[in-house]
Amino acid sequence: MLVFRWAILLLLLVAGVSFAFYAGTGQLKYRRFGWIVLKWTLLAALGFFAVLIAERVA
């Protein structure tokens, strides 16, 4: 569980750095990569927390 939390944190950091690169350079490839990483990270985090909630309920 700790590994998954660190992975989510690092992926959010990667997305943030990508958006910072976009702000600094104006290249669309950084924004596009940041959105892709952010989207999949949030979906994985929602799935992770859904499993945790389901374990508590059951």
N, C-alpha and C. Protein backbone atom coordinates (compact mmCIF):
# COMPACT_ATOMS: atom_id res chain seq x y z
N MET A 1 0.83 -1.18 0.00
CA MET A 1 0.00 0.00 0.00
C MET A 1 0.88 1.25 0.00
N LEU A 2 1.97 1.21 0.73
CA LEU A 2 2.87 2.36 0.77
C LEU A 2 3.50 2.60 -0.60
N VAL A 3 3.80 1.53 -1.31
CA VAL A 3 4.39 1.65 -2.65
C VAL A 3 3.40 2.34 -3.59
N PHE A 4 2.14 1.97 -3.50
CA PHE A 4 1.13 2.57 -4.37
C PHE A 4 0.96 4.05 -4.08
N ARG A 5 0.99 4.42 -2.81
CA ARG A 5 0.89 5.84 -2.46
C ARG A 5 2.07 6.63 -2.99
N TRP A 6 3.28 6.06 -2.90
CA TRP A 6 4.46 6.74 -3.43
C TRP A 6 4.39 6.84 -4.94
N ALA A 7 3.88 5.81 -5.59
CA ALA A 7 3.75 5.84 -7.05
C ALA A 7 2.79 6.94 -7.48
N ILE A 8 1.67 7.09 -6.80
CA ILE A 8 0.72 8.15 -7.10
C ILE A 8 1.35 9.51 -6.88
N LEU A 9 2.06 9.67 -5.79
CA LEU A 9 2.72 10.93 -5.50
C LEU A 9 3.75 11.28 -6.57
N LEU A 10 4.55 10.30 -6.97
CA LEU A 10 5.56 10.55 -7.99
C LEU A 10 4.95 10.86 -9.35
N LEU A 11 3.86 10.18 -9.69
CA LEU A 11 3.20 10.46 -10.96
C LEU A 11 2.57 11.85 -10.97
N LEU A 12 2.01 12.28 -9.83
CA LEU A 12 1.49 13.64 -9.74
C LEU A 12 2.62 14.66 -9.86
N LEU A 13 3.77 14.33 -9.30
CA LEU A 13 4.93 15.20 -9.43
C LEU A 13 5.40 15.28 -10.89
N VAL A 14 5.39 14.16 -11.58
CA VAL A 14 5.76 14.14 -13.00
C VAL A 14 4.80 15.02 -13.80
N ALA A 15 3.51 14.93 -13.52
CA ALA A 15 2.54 15.76 -14.23
C ALA A 15 2.79 17.24 -13.94
N GLY A 16 3.07 17.57 -12.69
CA GLY A 16 3.35 18.96 -12.33
C GLY A 16 4.59 19.49 -13.02
N VAL A 17 5.63 18.69 -13.08
CA VAL A 17 6.86 19.11 -13.76
C VAL A 17 6.60 19.27 -15.25
N SER A 18 5.79 18.40 -15.81
CA SER A 18 5.46 18.52 -17.23
C SER A 18 4.71 19.81 -17.50
N PHE A 19 3.77 20.18 -16.65
CA PHE A 19 3.05 21.44 -16.82
C PHE A 19 3.98 22.64 -16.62
N ALA A 20 4.95 22.51 -15.73
CA ALA A 20 5.93 23.59 -15.55
C ALA A 20 6.80 23.73 -16.80
N PHE A 21 7.19 22.62 -17.41
CA PHE A 21 7.94 22.69 -18.67
C PHE A 21 7.11 23.35 -19.76
N TYR A 22 5.81 23.03 -19.79
CA TYR A 22 4.93 23.66 -20.77
C TYR A 22 4.86 25.17 -20.54
N ALA A 23 4.73 25.57 -19.29
CA ALA A 23 4.67 27.00 -18.98
C ALA A 23 5.98 27.69 -19.34
N GLY A 24 7.08 27.00 -19.19
CA GLY A 24 8.37 27.59 -19.49
C GLY A 24 8.71 27.62 -20.97
N THR A 25 8.32 26.58 -21.70
CA THR A 25 8.72 26.49 -23.10
C THR A 25 7.59 26.77 -24.07
N GLY A 26 6.35 26.53 -23.67
CA GLY A 26 5.22 26.72 -24.57
C GLY A 26 5.02 25.58 -25.55
N GLN A 27 5.76 24.49 -25.39
CA GLN A 27 5.62 23.35 -26.30
C GLN A 27 4.44 22.48 -25.87
N LEU A 28 3.57 22.20 -26.81
CA LEU A 28 2.34 21.47 -26.51
C LEU A 28 2.57 20.03 -26.07
N LYS A 29 3.71 19.45 -26.46
CA LYS A 29 3.96 18.05 -26.10
C LYS A 29 4.03 17.87 -24.58
N TYR A 30 4.51 18.87 -23.85
CA TYR A 30 4.59 18.77 -22.39
C TYR A 30 3.20 18.84 -21.76
N ARG A 31 2.35 19.71 -22.29
CA ARG A 31 0.99 19.80 -21.76
C ARG A 31 0.22 18.51 -22.03
N ARG A 32 0.36 17.99 -23.24
CA ARG A 32 -0.33 16.75 -23.62
C ARG A 32 0.13 15.59 -22.73
N PHE A 33 1.43 15.48 -22.52
CA PHE A 33 1.97 14.41 -21.65
C PHE A 33 1.49 14.60 -20.22
N GLY A 34 1.46 15.82 -19.73
CA GLY A 34 0.98 16.10 -18.37
C GLY A 34 -0.47 15.69 -18.17
N TRP A 35 -1.32 15.99 -19.16
CA TRP A 35 -2.72 15.61 -19.04
C TRP A 35 -2.90 14.10 -19.06
N ILE A 36 -2.13 13.42 -19.90
CA ILE A 36 -2.24 11.96 -19.96
C ILE A 36 -1.82 11.34 -18.63
N VAL A 37 -0.70 11.79 -18.09
CA VAL A 37 -0.22 11.25 -16.81
C VAL A 37 -1.21 11.57 -15.69
N LEU A 38 -1.72 12.80 -15.67
CA LEU A 38 -2.67 13.20 -14.62
C LEU A 38 -3.96 12.39 -14.71
N LYS A 39 -4.46 12.19 -15.92
CA LYS A 39 -5.70 11.43 -16.11
C LYS A 39 -5.56 10.01 -15.59
N TRP A 40 -4.51 9.32 -16.00
CA TRP A 40 -4.34 7.93 -15.59
C TRP A 40 -3.98 7.80 -14.12
N THR A 41 -3.29 8.78 -13.59
CA THR A 41 -2.97 8.75 -12.16
C THR A 41 -4.24 8.90 -11.33
N LEU A 42 -5.10 9.83 -11.71
CA LEU A 42 -6.34 10.02 -10.96
C LEU A 42 -7.26 8.80 -11.09
N LEU A 43 -7.31 8.20 -12.27
CA LEU A 43 -8.12 6.99 -12.41
C LEU A 43 -7.58 5.84 -11.55
N ALA A 44 -6.27 5.69 -11.51
CA ALA A 44 -5.67 4.65 -10.68
C ALA A 44 -5.91 4.93 -9.20
N ALA A 45 -5.81 6.19 -8.79
CA ALA A 45 -6.04 6.55 -7.39
C ALA A 45 -7.50 6.30 -7.01
N LEU A 46 -8.43 6.65 -7.88
CA LEU A 46 -9.84 6.38 -7.59
C LEU A 46 -10.10 4.88 -7.47
N GLY A 47 -9.49 4.10 -8.34
CA GLY A 47 -9.64 2.65 -8.23
C GLY A 47 -9.05 2.11 -6.95
N PHE A 48 -7.90 2.63 -6.56
CA PHE A 48 -7.25 2.20 -5.33
C PHE A 48 -8.13 2.50 -4.11
N PHE A 49 -8.66 3.71 -4.05
CA PHE A 49 -9.49 4.08 -2.91
C PHE A 49 -10.84 3.36 -2.94
N ALA A 50 -11.33 3.03 -4.13
CA ALA A 50 -12.57 2.25 -4.22
C ALA A 50 -12.36 0.86 -3.63
N VAL A 51 -11.20 0.26 -3.89
CA VAL A 51 -10.90 -1.05 -3.32
C VAL A 51 -10.78 -0.95 -1.80
N LEU A 52 -10.14 0.11 -1.30
CA LEU A 52 -10.03 0.29 0.15
C LEU A 52 -11.40 0.43 0.80
N ILE A 53 -12.27 1.21 0.18
CA ILE A 53 -13.63 1.39 0.72
C ILE A 53 -14.40 0.10 0.67
N ALA A 54 -14.27 -0.64 -0.42
CA ALA A 54 -14.98 -1.92 -0.55
C ALA A 54 -14.50 -2.93 0.51
N GLU A 55 -13.21 -2.90 0.84
CA GLU A 55 -12.71 -3.79 1.89
C GLU A 55 -13.27 -3.43 3.25
N ARG A 56 -13.44 -2.16 3.51
CA ARG A 56 -14.00 -1.72 4.79
C ARG A 56 -15.47 -2.08 4.92
N VAL A 57 -16.20 -1.98 3.82
CA VAL A 57 -17.64 -2.26 3.84
C VAL A 57 -17.89 -3.75 4.00
N ALA A 58 -17.11 -4.55 3.32
CA ALA A 58 -17.34 -6.00 3.32
C ALA A 58 -16.81 -6.66 4.57
